[in-house]
Amino acid sequence: MPMPEYPFQHAVADLLQFEAQIYMAYADRLTGWLEIAHFPSGATSNKLAAVFRQYFSRWGAPESISTDGGTNLTSEEMCSFFRRWGVERRVASADFPQSNGRAETAVKSAKRLLRTRGQSGRG
């Protein structure tokens, strides 16, 4: 995939678990800007779509988004959501998670931030 020409042209998203809680890391491929969403009662497709809607309203809908093959990110509901926003969905291979390297970097950064937040006594 070619390098983006402007921020949030191409984004990545990945779900992660930290201290038995579900989060989503959403990042811009060009700048690495990271957003973290917390899903205290589970990350259903409906809840993911609500968070994406917030991000797309704030930063603009990307031309494409790369995700892993998780069922809640590849459900028909999510496919329809991305189509309505005009976002091309790219799914990284489970056999080659490094193909979604920016997402993996976002997850590592998100976990580091969450650990730091927990150590500061806020949370």
Protein backbone atom coordinates (compact mmCIF):
# COMPACT_ATOMS: atom_id res chain seq x y z
CA MET A 1 0.00 0.00 0.00
CA PRO A 2 1.44 3.40 -0.92
CA MET A 3 2.18 5.95 1.78
CA PRO A 4 -0.72 8.28 2.55
CA GLU A 5 -0.51 11.83 1.24
CA TYR A 6 -2.40 13.46 4.11
CA PRO A 7 -3.46 12.60 7.71
CA PHE A 8 -6.25 10.05 8.14
CA GLN A 9 -6.30 9.17 4.45
CA HIS A 10 -5.49 5.61 5.53
CA ALA A 11 -6.15 4.35 9.05
CA VAL A 12 -5.66 1.15 11.00
CA ALA A 13 -7.73 -0.37 13.80
CA ASP A 14 -7.14 -3.31 16.07
CA LEU A 15 -8.78 -4.66 19.20
CA LEU A 16 -6.70 -5.43 22.25
CA GLN A 17 -7.22 -6.78 25.72
CA PHE A 18 -5.62 -5.11 28.72
CA GLU A 19 -6.31 -6.13 32.33
CA ALA A 20 -9.39 -8.12 31.25
CA GLN A 21 -10.86 -5.10 29.42
CA ILE A 22 -11.38 -4.66 25.68
CA TYR A 23 -9.99 -1.60 23.88
CA MET A 24 -9.61 -0.54 20.28
CA ALA A 25 -6.53 1.21 18.95
CA TYR A 26 -7.28 3.43 15.95
CA ALA A 27 -4.32 5.12 14.27
CA ASP A 28 -3.43 7.24 11.29
CA ARG A 29 -0.92 5.54 8.99
CA LEU A 30 0.85 8.80 8.08
CA THR A 31 1.37 10.46 11.47
CA GLY A 32 0.83 7.57 13.87
CA TRP A 33 -1.81 9.61 15.75
CA LEU A 34 -3.49 7.19 18.14
CA GLU A 35 -7.00 7.08 19.55
CA ILE A 36 -7.98 4.49 22.18
CA ALA A 37 -11.57 3.43 22.82
CA HIS A 38 -12.63 1.40 25.86
CA PHE A 39 -15.43 -1.16 25.61
CA PRO A 40 -16.25 -2.13 29.22
CA SER A 41 -19.13 -4.41 28.24
CA GLY A 42 -17.72 -5.92 25.04
CA ALA A 43 -16.88 -4.72 21.54
CA THR A 44 -19.90 -5.60 19.44
CA SER A 45 -20.05 -4.44 15.83
CA ASN A 46 -22.71 -1.90 16.83
CA LYS A 47 -20.46 -0.39 19.53
CA LEU A 48 -17.46 -0.38 17.18
CA ALA A 49 -19.51 1.42 14.52
CA ALA A 50 -20.51 4.08 17.06
CA VAL A 51 -16.85 4.75 17.90
CA PHE A 52 -15.81 4.77 14.23
CA ARG A 53 -18.62 7.25 13.56
CA GLN A 54 -17.11 9.56 16.21
CA TYR A 55 -13.61 9.21 14.75
CA PHE A 56 -14.79 9.71 11.17
CA SER A 57 -16.75 12.79 12.21
CA ARG A 58 -13.71 14.18 14.03
CA TRP A 59 -10.91 13.31 11.57
CA GLY A 60 -12.78 12.56 8.36
CA ALA A 61 -13.55 9.13 6.98
CA PRO A 62 -10.37 7.50 5.68
CA GLU A 63 -10.16 6.22 2.12
CA SER A 64 -9.19 2.85 3.59
CA ILE A 65 -8.90 1.14 6.95
CA SER A 66 -6.79 -1.91 7.74
CA THR A 67 -7.99 -4.33 10.39
CA ASP A 68 -7.34 -7.88 11.43
CA GLY A 69 -9.86 -10.56 10.56
CA GLY A 70 -11.74 -10.38 13.87
CA THR A 71 -15.41 -11.26 13.42
CA ASN A 72 -16.70 -8.05 15.03
CA LEU A 73 -14.59 -6.01 12.57
CA THR A 74 -15.54 -8.10 9.52
CA SER A 75 -19.24 -8.68 10.25
CA GLU A 76 -21.85 -7.76 7.66
CA GLU A 77 -22.86 -4.86 9.92
CA MET A 78 -19.31 -3.45 9.82
CA CYS A 79 -18.95 -4.06 6.08
CA SER A 80 -22.19 -2.13 5.50
CA PHE A 81 -21.06 0.63 7.85
CA PHE A 82 -17.74 1.08 6.01
CA ARG A 83 -19.52 1.01 2.62
CA ARG A 84 -21.92 3.76 3.74
CA TRP A 85 -18.95 5.93 4.72
CA GLY A 86 -17.08 5.12 1.49
CA VAL A 87 -14.22 3.42 3.35
CA GLU A 88 -12.36 0.55 1.68
CA ARG A 89 -11.71 -2.20 4.23
CA ARG A 90 -8.43 -4.09 4.09
CA VAL A 91 -8.04 -7.22 6.18
CA ALA A 92 -4.57 -8.27 7.31
CA SER A 93 -3.81 -11.97 7.17
CA ALA A 94 -3.91 -13.78 10.51
CA ASP A 95 -0.84 -15.73 9.34
CA PHE A 96 1.09 -12.50 8.75
CA PRO A 97 0.12 -9.97 11.44
CA GLN A 98 3.21 -7.94 10.51
CA SER A 99 1.36 -7.03 7.31
CA ASN A 100 -0.68 -4.73 9.53
CA GLY A 101 2.46 -3.32 11.18
CA ARG A 102 1.04 0.13 11.91
CA ALA A 103 -1.86 -1.49 13.79
CA GLU A 104 0.52 -3.67 15.80
CA THR A 105 2.55 -0.57 16.66
CA ALA A 106 -0.66 1.20 17.70
CA VAL A 107 -1.59 -1.72 19.98
CA LYS A 108 1.84 -1.66 21.65
CA SER A 109 1.58 2.10 22.16
CA ALA A 110 -1.96 1.78 23.52
CA LYS A 111 -0.89 -0.87 26.05
CA ARG A 112 2.06 1.27 27.11
CA LEU A 113 -0.27 4.27 27.64
CA LEU A 114 -2.80 2.17 29.54
CA ARG A 115 -0.05 0.79 31.80
CA THR A 116 1.24 4.31 32.47
CA ARG A 117 -2.27 5.53 33.26
CA GLY A 118 -2.74 2.65 35.70
CA GLN A 119 0.56 3.37 37.44
CA SER A 120 -0.31 7.04 37.88
CA GLY A 121 -3.26 6.04 40.07
CA ARG A 122 -5.82 7.41 37.62
CA GLY A 123 -8.15 5.16 35.85
